[in-house]
Amino acid sequence: NLGDAYFGNATTGNFVDLDVLAAGP
């Protein structure tokens, strides 16, 4: 999602996550 905890910027807990950048059709 979008927020501090999803980008390693929260002070009390951060999520370990994975996305994929896709290109093309």
PDB file of all heavy atoms in Angstrom:
ATOM      1  N   ASN A   1       0.858  -1.166   0.000  1.00  0.00           N
ATOM      2  CA  ASN A   1       0.000   0.000   0.000  1.00  0.00           C
ATOM      3  C   ASN A   1       0.904   1.229   0.000  1.00  0.00           C
ATOM      4  O   ASN A   1       2.124   1.105  -0.132  1.00  0.00           O
ATOM      5  CB  ASN A   1      -0.901  -0.007   1.239  1.00  0.00           C
ATOM      6  CG  ASN A   1      -1.889  -1.154   1.218  1.00  0.00           C
ATOM      7  OD1 ASN A   1      -2.753  -1.239   0.357  1.00  0.00           O
ATOM      8  ND2 ASN A   1      -1.770  -2.051   2.195  1.00  0.00           N
ATOM      9  N   LEU A   2       0.333   2.412   0.160  1.00  0.00           N
ATOM     10  CA  LEU A   2       1.134   3.629   0.197  1.00  0.00           C
ATOM     11  C   LEU A   2       1.149   4.175   1.613  1.00  0.00           C
ATOM     12  O   LEU A   2       0.097   4.455   2.188  1.00  0.00           O
ATOM     13  CB  LEU A   2       0.564   4.677  -0.772  1.00  0.00           C
ATOM     14  CG  LEU A   2       0.484   4.263  -2.243  1.00  0.00           C
ATOM     15  CD1 LEU A   2      -0.007   5.429  -3.101  1.00  0.00           C
ATOM     16  CD2 LEU A   2       1.819   3.746  -2.759  1.00  0.00           C
ATOM     17  N   GLY A   3       2.348   4.313   2.186  1.00  0.00           N
ATOM     18  CA  GLY A   3       2.481   4.818   3.544  1.00  0.00           C
ATOM     19  C   GLY A   3       3.868   4.531   4.089  1.00  0.00           C
ATOM     20  O   GLY A   3       4.622   3.712   3.542  1.00  0.00           O
ATOM     21  N   ASP A   4       4.225   5.180   5.182  1.00  0.00           N
ATOM     22  CA  ASP A   4       5.561   5.056   5.768  1.00  0.00           C
ATOM     23  C   ASP A   4       5.949   3.610   6.048  1.00  0.00           C
ATOM     24  O   ASP A   4       7.081   3.196   5.783  1.00  0.00           O
ATOM     25  CB  ASP A   4       5.636   5.858   7.072  1.00  0.00           C
ATOM     26  CG  ASP A   4       5.755   7.357   6.839  1.00  0.00           C
ATOM     27  OD1 ASP A   4       6.226   7.756   5.752  1.00  0.00           O
ATOM     28  OD2 ASP A   4       5.368   8.128   7.739  1.00  0.00           O
ATOM     29  N   ALA A   5       5.028   2.822   6.615  1.00  0.00           N
ATOM     30  CA  ALA A   5       5.368   1.454   7.013  1.00  0.00           C
ATOM     31  C   ALA A   5       5.705   0.568   5.824  1.00  0.00           C
ATOM     32  O   ALA A   5       6.358  -0.462   5.986  1.00  0.00           O
ATOM     33  CB  ALA A   5       4.220   0.837   7.811  1.00  0.00           C
ATOM     34  N   TYR A   6       5.279   0.958   4.620  1.00  0.00           N
ATOM     35  CA  TYR A   6       5.553   0.153   3.434  1.00  0.00           C
ATOM     36  C   TYR A   6       6.843   0.577   2.736  1.00  0.00           C
ATOM     37  O   TYR A   6       7.288  -0.087   1.800  1.00  0.00           O
ATOM     38  CB  TYR A   6       4.374   0.259   2.460  1.00  0.00           C
ATOM     39  CG  TYR A   6       3.094  -0.255   3.059  1.00  0.00           C
ATOM     40  CD1 TYR A   6       2.209   0.607   3.705  1.00  0.00           C
ATOM     41  CD2 TYR A   6       2.786  -1.608   3.036  1.00  0.00           C
ATOM     42  CE1 TYR A   6       1.045   0.136   4.288  1.00  0.00           C
ATOM     43  CE2 TYR A   6       1.626  -2.091   3.619  1.00  0.00           C
ATOM     44  CZ  TYR A   6       0.766  -1.211   4.246  1.00  0.00           C
ATOM     45  OH  TYR A   6      -0.384  -1.680   4.828  1.00  0.00           O
ATOM     46  N   PHE A   7       7.432   1.684   3.199  1.00  0.00           N
ATOM     47  CA  PHE A   7       8.655   2.177   2.575  1.00  0.00           C
ATOM     48  C   PHE A   7       9.782   2.357   3.591  1.00  0.00           C
ATOM     49  O   PHE A   7      10.680   3.172   3.405  1.00  0.00           O
ATOM     50  CB  PHE A   7       8.381   3.504   1.853  1.00  0.00           C
ATOM     51  CG  PHE A   7       7.398   3.375   0.727  1.00  0.00           C
ATOM     52  CD1 PHE A   7       6.148   3.966   0.799  1.00  0.00           C
ATOM     53  CD2 PHE A   7       7.720   2.641  -0.407  1.00  0.00           C
ATOM     54  CE1 PHE A   7       5.237   3.843  -0.232  1.00  0.00           C
ATOM     55  CE2 PHE A   7       6.809   2.517  -1.448  1.00  0.00           C
ATOM     56  CZ  PHE A   7       5.572   3.117  -1.365  1.00  0.00           C
ATOM     57  N   GLY A   8       9.730   1.600   4.690  1.00  0.00           N
ATOM     58  CA  GLY A   8      10.817   1.618   5.662  1.00  0.00           C
ATOM     59  C   GLY A   8      10.971   2.915   6.408  1.00  0.00           C
ATOM     60  O   GLY A   8      12.055   3.219   6.914  1.00  0.00           O
ATOM     61  N   ASN A   9       9.896   3.696   6.535  1.00  0.00           N
ATOM     62  CA  ASN A   9      10.002   5.023   7.121  1.00  0.00           C
ATOM     63  C   ASN A   9       9.169   5.188   8.389  1.00  0.00           C
ATOM     64  O   ASN A   9       9.026   6.289   8.899  1.00  0.00           O
ATOM     65  CB  ASN A   9       9.580   6.078   6.082  1.00  0.00           C
ATOM     66  CG  ASN A   9      10.072   7.467   6.440  1.00  0.00           C
ATOM     67  OD1 ASN A   9      11.108   7.634   7.056  1.00  0.00           O
ATOM     68  ND2 ASN A   9       9.305   8.474   6.041  1.00  0.00           N
ATOM     69  N   ALA A  10       8.591   4.100   8.904  1.00  0.00           N
ATOM     70  CA  ALA A  10       7.800   4.181  10.136  1.00  0.00           C
ATOM     71  C   ALA A  10       8.695   3.985  11.352  1.00  0.00           C
ATOM     72  O   ALA A  10       9.776   3.388  11.261  1.00  0.00           O
ATOM     73  CB  ALA A  10       6.695   3.120  10.118  1.00  0.00           C
ATOM     74  N   THR A  11       8.241   4.484  12.479  1.00  0.00           N
ATOM     75  CA  THR A  11       9.076   4.446  13.682  1.00  0.00           C
ATOM     76  C   THR A  11       8.823   3.229  14.557  1.00  0.00           C
ATOM     77  O   THR A  11       9.677   2.844  15.350  1.00  0.00           O
ATOM     78  CB  THR A  11       8.835   5.720  14.527  1.00  0.00           C
ATOM     79  OG1 THR A  11       7.440   5.810  14.829  1.00  0.00           O
ATOM     80  CG2 THR A  11       9.273   6.964  13.759  1.00  0.00           C
ATOM     81  N   THR A  12       7.651   2.615  14.434  1.00  0.00           N
ATOM     82  CA  THR A  12       7.330   1.500  15.325  1.00  0.00           C
ATOM     83  C   THR A  12       7.328   0.147  14.638  1.00  0.00           C
ATOM     84  O   THR A  12       7.434  -0.882  15.302  1.00  0.00           O
ATOM     85  CB  THR A  12       5.940   1.711  15.964  1.00  0.00           C
ATOM     86  OG1 THR A  12       4.967   1.883  14.926  1.00  0.00           O
ATOM     87  CG2 THR A  12       5.943   2.949  16.845  1.00  0.00           C
ATOM     88  N   GLY A  13       7.193   0.107  13.321  1.00  0.00           N
ATOM     89  CA  GLY A  13       7.194  -1.161  12.610  1.00  0.00           C
ATOM     90  C   GLY A  13       7.135  -0.946  11.113  1.00  0.00           C
ATOM     91  O   GLY A  13       6.427  -0.055  10.630  1.00  0.00           O
ATOM     92  N   ASN A  14       7.895  -1.744  10.356  1.00  0.00           N
ATOM     93  CA  ASN A  14       7.928  -1.625   8.903  1.00  0.00           C
ATOM     94  C   ASN A  14       7.663  -2.981   8.255  1.00  0.00           C
ATOM     95  O   ASN A  14       8.049  -4.022   8.776  1.00  0.00           O
ATOM     96  CB  ASN A  14       9.291  -1.097   8.439  1.00  0.00           C
ATOM     97  CG  ASN A  14       9.443   0.387   8.718  1.00  0.00           C
ATOM     98  OD1 ASN A  14       8.794   1.221   8.105  1.00  0.00           O
ATOM     99  ND2 ASN A  14      10.317   0.721   9.665  1.00  0.00           N
ATOM    100  N   PHE A  15       6.994  -2.936   7.103  1.00  0.00           N
ATOM    101  CA  PHE A  15       6.642  -4.150   6.385  1.00  0.00           C
ATOM    102  C   PHE A  15       7.764  -4.589   5.449  1.00  0.00           C
ATOM    103  O   PHE A  15       8.389  -3.765   4.782  1.00  0.00           O
ATOM    104  CB  PHE A  15       5.374  -3.934   5.565  1.00  0.00           C
ATOM    105  CG  PHE A  15       4.130  -3.791   6.389  1.00  0.00           C
ATOM    106  CD1 PHE A  15       3.502  -2.565   6.519  1.00  0.00           C
ATOM    107  CD2 PHE A  15       3.586  -4.886   7.040  1.00  0.00           C
ATOM    108  CE1 PHE A  15       2.346  -2.424   7.280  1.00  0.00           C
ATOM    109  CE2 PHE A  15       2.437  -4.763   7.807  1.00  0.00           C
ATOM    110  CZ  PHE A  15       1.819  -3.533   7.923  1.00  0.00           C
ATOM    111  N   VAL A  16       7.980  -5.891   5.402  1.00  0.00           N
ATOM    112  CA  VAL A  16       8.856  -6.503   4.404  1.00  0.00           C
ATOM    113  C   VAL A  16       7.964  -6.851   3.220  1.00  0.00           C
ATOM    114  O   VAL A  16       7.030  -7.635   3.350  1.00  0.00           O
ATOM    115  CB  VAL A  16       9.536  -7.771   4.950  1.00  0.00           C
ATOM    116  CG1 VAL A  16      10.412  -8.408   3.892  1.00  0.00           C
ATOM    117  CG2 VAL A  16      10.344  -7.430   6.196  1.00  0.00           C
ATOM    118  N   ASP A  17       8.235  -6.271   2.065  1.00  0.00           N
ATOM    119  CA  ASP A  17       7.294  -6.389   0.963  1.00  0.00           C
ATOM    120  C   ASP A  17       8.020  -6.577  -0.357  1.00  0.00           C
ATOM    121  O   ASP A  17       9.243  -6.438  -0.446  1.00  0.00           O
ATOM    122  CB  ASP A  17       6.414  -5.143   0.892  1.00  0.00           C
ATOM    123  CG  ASP A  17       4.942  -5.493   0.679  1.00  0.00           C
ATOM    124  OD1 ASP A  17       4.691  -6.434  -0.107  1.00  0.00           O
ATOM    125  OD2 ASP A  17       4.084  -4.855   1.284  1.00  0.00           O
ATOM    126  N   LEU A  18       7.256  -6.878  -1.405  1.00  0.00           N
ATOM    127  CA  LEU A  18       7.810  -7.062  -2.741  1.00  0.00           C
ATOM    128  C   LEU A  18       6.809  -6.573  -3.775  1.00  0.00           C
ATOM    129  O   LEU A  18       5.621  -6.901  -3.711  1.00  0.00           O
ATOM    130  CB  LEU A  18       8.136  -8.538  -3.016  1.00  0.00           C
ATOM    131  CG  LEU A  18       8.721  -8.816  -4.409  1.00  0.00           C
ATOM    132  CD1 LEU A  18      10.148  -8.262  -4.506  1.00  0.00           C
ATOM    133  CD2 LEU A  18       8.714 -10.302  -4.723  1.00  0.00           C
ATOM    134  N   ASP A  19       7.291  -5.760  -4.715  1.00  0.00           N
ATOM    135  CA  ASP A  19       6.529  -5.334  -5.878  1.00  0.00           C
ATOM    136  C   ASP A  19       7.274  -5.756  -7.132  1.00  0.00           C
ATOM    137  O   ASP A  19       8.436  -6.176  -7.080  1.00  0.00           O
ATOM    138  CB  ASP A  19       6.383  -3.803  -5.916  1.00  0.00           C
ATOM    139  CG  ASP A  19       5.557  -3.254  -4.774  1.00  0.00           C
ATOM    140  OD1 ASP A  19       4.564  -3.901  -4.415  1.00  0.00           O
ATOM    141  OD2 ASP A  19       5.905  -2.183  -4.262  1.00  0.00           O
ATOM    142  N   VAL A  20       6.604  -5.611  -8.262  1.00  0.00           N
ATOM    143  CA  VAL A  20       7.264  -5.820  -9.545  1.00  0.00           C
ATOM    144  C   VAL A  20       6.914  -4.645 -10.440  1.00  0.00           C
ATOM    145  O   VAL A  20       5.766  -4.200 -10.495  1.00  0.00           O
ATOM    146  CB  VAL A  20       6.849  -7.167 -10.191  1.00  0.00           C
ATOM    147  CG1 VAL A  20       5.362  -7.229 -10.447  1.00  0.00           C
ATOM    148  CG2 VAL A  20       7.625  -7.411 -11.483  1.00  0.00           C
ATOM    149  N   LEU A  21       7.925  -4.096 -11.107  1.00  0.00           N
ATOM    150  CA  LEU A  21       7.730  -3.060 -12.111  1.00  0.00           C
ATOM    151  C   LEU A  21       7.584  -3.754 -13.459  1.00  0.00           C
ATOM    152  O   LEU A  21       8.472  -4.480 -13.888  1.00  0.00           O
ATOM    153  CB  LEU A  21       8.926  -2.099 -12.136  1.00  0.00           C
ATOM    154  CG  LEU A  21       8.929  -1.046 -13.251  1.00  0.00           C
ATOM    155  CD1 LEU A  21       7.739  -0.091 -13.098  1.00  0.00           C
ATOM    156  CD2 LEU A  21      10.246  -0.257 -13.242  1.00  0.00           C
ATOM    157  N   ALA A  22       6.448  -3.546 -14.105  1.00  0.00           N
ATOM    158  CA  ALA A  22       6.153  -4.189 -15.385  1.00  0.00           C
ATOM    159  C   ALA A  22       6.195  -3.154 -16.500  1.00  0.00           C
ATOM    160  O   ALA A  22       5.822  -1.994 -16.314  1.00  0.00           O
ATOM    161  CB  ALA A  22       4.773  -4.856 -15.338  1.00  0.00           C
ATOM    162  N   ALA A  23       6.638  -3.596 -17.680  1.00  0.00           N
ATOM    163  CA  ALA A  23       6.742  -2.718 -18.847  1.00  0.00           C
ATOM    164  C   ALA A  23       6.187  -3.437 -20.066  1.00  0.00           C
ATOM    165  O   ALA A  23       6.342  -4.651 -20.206  1.00  0.00           O
ATOM    166  CB  ALA A  23       8.200  -2.316 -19.089  1.00  0.00           C
ATOM    167  N   GLY A  24       5.524  -2.696 -20.941  1.00  0.00           N
ATOM    168  CA  GLY A  24       5.060  -3.287 -22.191  1.00  0.00           C
ATOM    169  C   GLY A  24       3.591  -3.663 -22.171  1.00  0.00           C
ATOM    170  O   GLY A  24       2.805  -3.175 -21.353  1.00  0.00           O
ATOM    171  N   PRO A  25       3.187  -4.570 -23.079  1.00  0.00           N
ATOM    172  CA  PRO A  25       1.764  -4.895 -23.269  1.00  0.00           C
ATOM    173  C   PRO A  25       1.059  -5.435 -22.031  1.00  0.00           C
ATOM    174  O   PRO A  25      -0.152  -5.254 -21.897  1.00  0.00           O
ATOM    175  CB  PRO A  25       1.798  -5.956 -24.378  1.00  0.00           C
ATOM    176  CG  PRO A  25       3.059  -5.705 -25.113  1.00  0.00           C
ATOM    177  CD  PRO A  25       4.043  -5.225 -24.091  1.00  0.00           C
TER     178      PRO A  25
END
